[in-house]
Amino acid sequence: MTRAEFYQLFGGGRAVIGVVHLLPLPGSPRYTGEFSSIVDRALRDARAYVEAGFNGLIVENFGDAPFYPDQVGPETVAAMAVVTYAVRAAVEVPVGVNVLRNDARAALAVATAAGGRFIRVNVHTGAMLTDQGILQGKAAETLRLRKMLS
């Protein structure tokens, strides 16, 4: 998304985007087996952000720590798609996706399946030393997948 497209999506100027931190998802070490509670919490948080005047939301698998550095499993993609779809259907603001720690391909897949409007990639270009090791941006792959999915 270009800067101009971002401004257009949020009506120009600056946007305040709330992060819907998901509880641990299936496949995560701390998953409790109660998927409905994940959806319920996400919807509660999303509605609270919108009622507080936030311009958009981003759904993130924050409860899945410790994170895979580059690629999550298909169970995470599936769960995030279900929750993101529910959030998007419940609110009237743009909803995006971030798949931690740095899985842009999964974020694009979730956003495409759930009707998300944008993604966040922690390291899109270059490299960063993190608690998961060295993360390397994969802009070439991400942009090609985005083009293919559009």
C-alpha atoms as a PDB file:
ATOM      1  CA  MET A   1       0.000   0.000   0.000  1.00  0.00           C
ATOM      2  CA  THR A   2       1.399   3.358  -0.951  1.00  0.00           C
ATOM      3  CA  ARG A   3       1.302   6.329   1.380  1.00  0.00           C
ATOM      4  CA  ALA A   4      -1.402   7.886  -0.805  1.00  0.00           C
ATOM      5  CA  GLU A   5      -3.499   4.700  -0.635  1.00  0.00           C
ATOM      6  CA  PHE A   6      -3.073   4.630   3.139  1.00  0.00           C
ATOM      7  CA  TYR A   7      -4.289   8.217   3.461  1.00  0.00           C
ATOM      8  CA  GLN A   8      -7.201   7.481   1.152  1.00  0.00           C
ATOM      9  CA  LEU A   9      -8.181   4.390   3.157  1.00  0.00           C
ATOM     10  CA  PHE A  10      -8.296   6.392   6.373  1.00  0.00           C
ATOM     11  CA  GLY A  11      -9.750   9.597   4.956  1.00  0.00           C
ATOM     12  CA  GLY A  12      -6.524  11.596   4.820  1.00  0.00           C
ATOM     13  CA  GLY A  13      -4.258  12.778   7.572  1.00  0.00           C
ATOM     14  CA  ARG A  14      -3.167  10.634  10.470  1.00  0.00           C
ATOM     15  CA  ALA A  15      -4.954   7.504  11.609  1.00  0.00           C
ATOM     16  CA  VAL A  16      -5.145   5.954  15.046  1.00  0.00           C
ATOM     17  CA  ILE A  17      -5.108   2.169  14.647  1.00  0.00           C
ATOM     18  CA  GLY A  18      -5.974  -0.124  17.548  1.00  0.00           C
ATOM     19  CA  VAL A  19      -4.250  -3.491  17.817  1.00  0.00           C
ATOM     20  CA  VAL A  20      -6.529  -6.429  18.596  1.00  0.00           C
ATOM     21  CA  HIS A  21      -4.142  -8.759  20.426  1.00  0.00           C
ATOM     22  CA  LEU A  22      -5.497 -12.275  20.037  1.00  0.00           C
ATOM     23  CA  LEU A  23      -5.403 -14.783  22.851  1.00  0.00           C
ATOM     24  CA  PRO A  24      -3.205 -17.849  22.158  1.00  0.00           C
ATOM     25  CA  LEU A  25      -4.390 -19.599  19.002  1.00  0.00           C
ATOM     26  CA  PRO A  26      -4.518 -23.320  18.129  1.00  0.00           C
ATOM     27  CA  GLY A  27      -0.958 -24.599  17.833  1.00  0.00           C
ATOM     28  CA  SER A  28       0.358 -22.100  20.375  1.00  0.00           C
ATOM     29  CA  PRO A  29       1.893 -23.487  23.593  1.00  0.00           C
ATOM     30  CA  ARG A  30      -0.660 -21.573  25.688  1.00  0.00           C
ATOM     31  CA  TYR A  31      -3.806 -22.359  23.644  1.00  0.00           C
ATOM     32  CA  THR A  32      -6.607 -23.370  26.031  1.00  0.00           C
ATOM     33  CA  GLY A  33      -8.835 -25.191  23.555  1.00  0.00           C
ATOM     34  CA  GLU A  34     -11.578 -22.567  23.804  1.00  0.00           C
ATOM     35  CA  PHE A  35     -11.634 -20.984  20.358  1.00  0.00           C
ATOM     36  CA  SER A  36     -14.928 -19.183  20.970  1.00  0.00           C
ATOM     37  CA  SER A  37     -13.301 -17.211  23.803  1.00  0.00           C
ATOM     38  CA  ILE A  38     -10.669 -15.959  21.335  1.00  0.00           C
ATOM     39  CA  VAL A  39     -13.365 -14.675  18.989  1.00  0.00           C
ATOM     40  CA  ASP A  40     -15.392 -13.160  21.846  1.00  0.00           C
ATOM     41  CA  ARG A  41     -12.387 -11.283  23.263  1.00  0.00           C
ATOM     42  CA  ALA A  42     -11.351 -10.027  19.826  1.00  0.00           C
ATOM     43  CA  LEU A  43     -14.848  -8.710  19.121  1.00  0.00           C
ATOM     44  CA  ARG A  44     -15.050  -7.031  22.532  1.00  0.00           C
ATOM     45  CA  ASP A  45     -11.691  -5.333  22.020  1.00  0.00           C
ATOM     46  CA  ALA A  46     -12.506  -4.303  18.443  1.00  0.00           C
ATOM     47  CA  ARG A  47     -15.798  -2.708  19.438  1.00  0.00           C
ATOM     48  CA  ALA A  48     -14.133  -0.878  22.337  1.00  0.00           C
ATOM     49  CA  TYR A  49     -11.532   0.622  19.985  1.00  0.00           C
ATOM     50  CA  VAL A  50     -14.196   1.759  17.525  1.00  0.00           C
ATOM     51  CA  GLU A  51     -16.362   3.237  20.294  1.00  0.00           C
ATOM     52  CA  ALA A  52     -13.277   5.140  21.509  1.00  0.00           C
ATOM     53  CA  GLY A  53     -12.900   6.722  18.064  1.00  0.00           C
ATOM     54  CA  PHE A  54     -10.078   4.685  16.531  1.00  0.00           C
ATOM     55  CA  ASN A  55      -9.844   4.945  12.728  1.00  0.00           C
ATOM     56  CA  GLY A  56      -8.865   1.328  12.058  1.00  0.00           C
ATOM     57  CA  LEU A  57      -7.852  -1.967  13.604  1.00  0.00           C
ATOM     58  CA  ILE A  58      -5.118  -4.513  13.111  1.00  0.00           C
ATOM     59  CA  VAL A  59      -5.535  -8.125  14.229  1.00  0.00           C
ATOM     60  CA  GLU A  60      -2.355  -9.688  15.594  1.00  0.00           C
ATOM     61  CA  ASN A  61      -1.480 -13.119  17.055  1.00  0.00           C
ATOM     62  CA  PHE A  62       0.200 -11.563  20.096  1.00  0.00           C
ATOM     63  CA  GLY A  63      -0.815 -14.401  22.426  1.00  0.00           C
ATOM     64  CA  ASP A  64       1.194 -16.937  20.425  1.00  0.00           C
ATOM     65  CA  ALA A  65       4.570 -16.061  21.978  1.00  0.00           C
ATOM     66  CA  PRO A  66       7.168 -17.415  21.649  1.00  0.00           C
ATOM     67  CA  PHE A  67       6.898 -16.618  17.958  1.00  0.00           C
ATOM     68  CA  TYR A  68       8.252 -18.405  14.932  1.00  0.00           C
ATOM     69  CA  PRO A  69      10.666 -15.966  13.279  1.00  0.00           C
ATOM     70  CA  ASP A  70       9.517 -16.363   9.680  1.00  0.00           C
ATOM     71  CA  GLN A  71       6.617 -18.720   9.042  1.00  0.00           C
ATOM     72  CA  VAL A  72       3.641 -19.763  11.156  1.00  0.00           C
ATOM     73  CA  GLY A  73       1.753 -23.018  10.700  1.00  0.00           C
ATOM     74  CA  PRO A  74      -1.449 -23.426   8.699  1.00  0.00           C
ATOM     75  CA  GLU A  75      -3.432 -23.712  11.944  1.00  0.00           C
ATOM     76  CA  THR A  76      -2.454 -20.123  12.798  1.00  0.00           C
ATOM     77  CA  VAL A  77      -3.415 -18.862   9.343  1.00  0.00           C
ATOM     78  CA  ALA A  78      -6.786 -20.615   9.537  1.00  0.00           C
ATOM     79  CA  ALA A  79      -7.562 -19.370  13.052  1.00  0.00           C
ATOM     80  CA  MET A  80      -6.530 -15.812  12.252  1.00  0.00           C
ATOM     81  CA  ALA A  81      -8.683 -15.810   9.111  1.00  0.00           C
ATOM     82  CA  VAL A  82     -11.748 -16.841  11.125  1.00  0.00           C
ATOM     83  CA  VAL A  83     -11.180 -14.243  13.847  1.00  0.00           C
ATOM     84  CA  THR A  84     -10.268 -11.463  11.410  1.00  0.00           C
ATOM     85  CA  TYR A  85     -13.396 -12.155   9.362  1.00  0.00           C
ATOM     86  CA  ALA A  86     -15.525 -11.903  12.516  1.00  0.00           C
ATOM     87  CA  VAL A  87     -13.871  -8.618  13.514  1.00  0.00           C
ATOM     88  CA  ARG A  88     -14.226  -7.159  10.032  1.00  0.00           C
ATOM     89  CA  ALA A  89     -17.922  -8.093   9.939  1.00  0.00           C
ATOM     90  CA  ALA A  90     -18.525  -6.467  13.339  1.00  0.00           C
ATOM     91  CA  VAL A  91     -17.011  -3.021  12.727  1.00  0.00           C
ATOM     92  CA  GLU A  92     -17.182  -0.274  10.116  1.00  0.00           C
ATOM     93  CA  VAL A  93     -13.499   0.709  10.113  1.00  0.00           C
ATOM     94  CA  PRO A  94     -10.674  -0.749   7.989  1.00  0.00           C
ATOM     95  CA  VAL A  95      -9.187  -3.925   9.462  1.00  0.00           C
ATOM     96  CA  GLY A  96      -5.642  -5.134   8.825  1.00  0.00           C
ATOM     97  CA  VAL A  97      -3.505  -8.120   9.793  1.00  0.00           C
ATOM     98  CA  ASN A  98      -0.058  -8.676  11.304  1.00  0.00           C
ATOM     99  CA  VAL A  99       1.204 -12.255  11.691  1.00  0.00           C
ATOM    100  CA  LEU A 100       4.006 -12.332  14.234  1.00  0.00           C
ATOM    101  CA  ARG A 101       6.793 -12.442  14.163  1.00  0.00           C
ATOM    102  CA  ASN A 102       7.373 -11.650  10.499  1.00  0.00           C
ATOM    103  CA  ASP A 103       5.146 -13.776   8.247  1.00  0.00           C
ATOM    104  CA  ALA A 104       4.037 -11.433   5.484  1.00  0.00           C
ATOM    105  CA  ARG A 105       2.805 -14.287   3.279  1.00  0.00           C
ATOM    106  CA  ALA A 106       0.491 -15.498   6.042  1.00  0.00           C
ATOM    107  CA  ALA A 107      -0.706 -11.945   6.704  1.00  0.00           C
ATOM    108  CA  LEU A 108      -1.583 -11.533   3.027  1.00  0.00           C
ATOM    109  CA  ALA A 109      -3.403 -14.876   3.034  1.00  0.00           C
ATOM    110  CA  VAL A 110      -5.405 -13.991   6.148  1.00  0.00           C
ATOM    111  CA  ALA A 111      -6.255 -10.517   4.858  1.00  0.00           C
ATOM    112  CA  THR A 112      -7.330 -11.893   1.494  1.00  0.00           C
ATOM    113  CA  ALA A 113      -9.536 -14.607   3.006  1.00  0.00           C
ATOM    114  CA  ALA A 114     -11.061 -12.362   5.680  1.00  0.00           C
ATOM    115  CA  GLY A 115     -11.513  -9.168   3.685  1.00  0.00           C
ATOM    116  CA  GLY A 116      -8.740  -7.279   5.456  1.00  0.00           C
ATOM    117  CA  ARG A 117      -7.710  -3.999   3.876  1.00  0.00           C
ATOM    118  CA  PHE A 118      -4.002  -3.888   4.752  1.00  0.00           C
ATOM    119  CA  ILE A 119      -1.197  -5.800   6.441  1.00  0.00           C
ATOM    120  CA  ARG A 120       1.681  -4.860   8.690  1.00  0.00           C
ATOM    121  CA  VAL A 121       5.071  -6.465   8.186  1.00  0.00           C
ATOM    122  CA  ASN A 122       7.550  -5.963  11.012  1.00  0.00           C
ATOM    123  CA  VAL A 123      10.614  -6.256   8.745  1.00  0.00           C
ATOM    124  CA  HIS A 124       9.648  -5.709   5.099  1.00  0.00           C
ATOM    125  CA  THR A 125      13.086  -4.730   3.810  1.00  0.00           C
ATOM    126  CA  GLY A 126      16.523  -5.014   5.350  1.00  0.00           C
ATOM    127  CA  ALA A 127      17.200  -7.053   8.472  1.00  0.00           C
ATOM    128  CA  MET A 128      16.709  -6.712  12.224  1.00  0.00           C
ATOM    129  CA  LEU A 129      18.162  -8.532  15.206  1.00  0.00           C
ATOM    130  CA  THR A 130      15.313  -9.601  17.510  1.00  0.00           C
ATOM    131  CA  ASP A 131      14.617 -12.035  20.307  1.00  0.00           C
ATOM    132  CA  GLN A 132      13.721 -14.561  17.562  1.00  0.00           C
ATOM    133  CA  GLY A 133      17.093 -14.089  15.878  1.00  0.00           C
ATOM    134  CA  ILE A 134      17.808 -12.204  12.674  1.00  0.00           C
ATOM    135  CA  LEU A 135      14.658 -11.323  10.756  1.00  0.00           C
ATOM    136  CA  GLN A 136      15.130 -10.601   7.070  1.00  0.00           C
ATOM    137  CA  GLY A 137      12.651  -8.704   4.958  1.00  0.00           C
ATOM    138  CA  LYS A 138      11.145 -10.517   2.014  1.00  0.00           C
ATOM    139  CA  ALA A 139       9.707  -7.614   0.052  1.00  0.00           C
ATOM    140  CA  ALA A 140      10.277  -9.305  -3.310  1.00  0.00           C
ATOM    141  CA  GLU A 141       8.178 -12.316  -2.279  1.00  0.00           C
ATOM    142  CA  THR A 142       5.536 -10.262  -0.481  1.00  0.00           C
ATOM    143  CA  LEU A 143       4.942  -7.827  -3.326  1.00  0.00           C
ATOM    144  CA  ARG A 144       4.719 -10.627  -5.896  1.00  0.00           C
ATOM    145  CA  LEU A 145       2.188 -12.505  -3.769  1.00  0.00           C
ATOM    146  CA  ARG A 146       0.162  -9.325  -3.260  1.00  0.00           C
ATOM    147  CA  LYS A 147       0.070  -8.795  -7.020  1.00  0.00           C
ATOM    148  CA  MET A 148      -0.983 -12.408  -7.606  1.00  0.00           C
ATOM    149  CA  LEU A 149      -3.794 -12.171  -5.023  1.00  0.00           C
ATOM    150  CA  SER A 150      -5.165  -8.843  -6.283  1.00  0.00           C
END
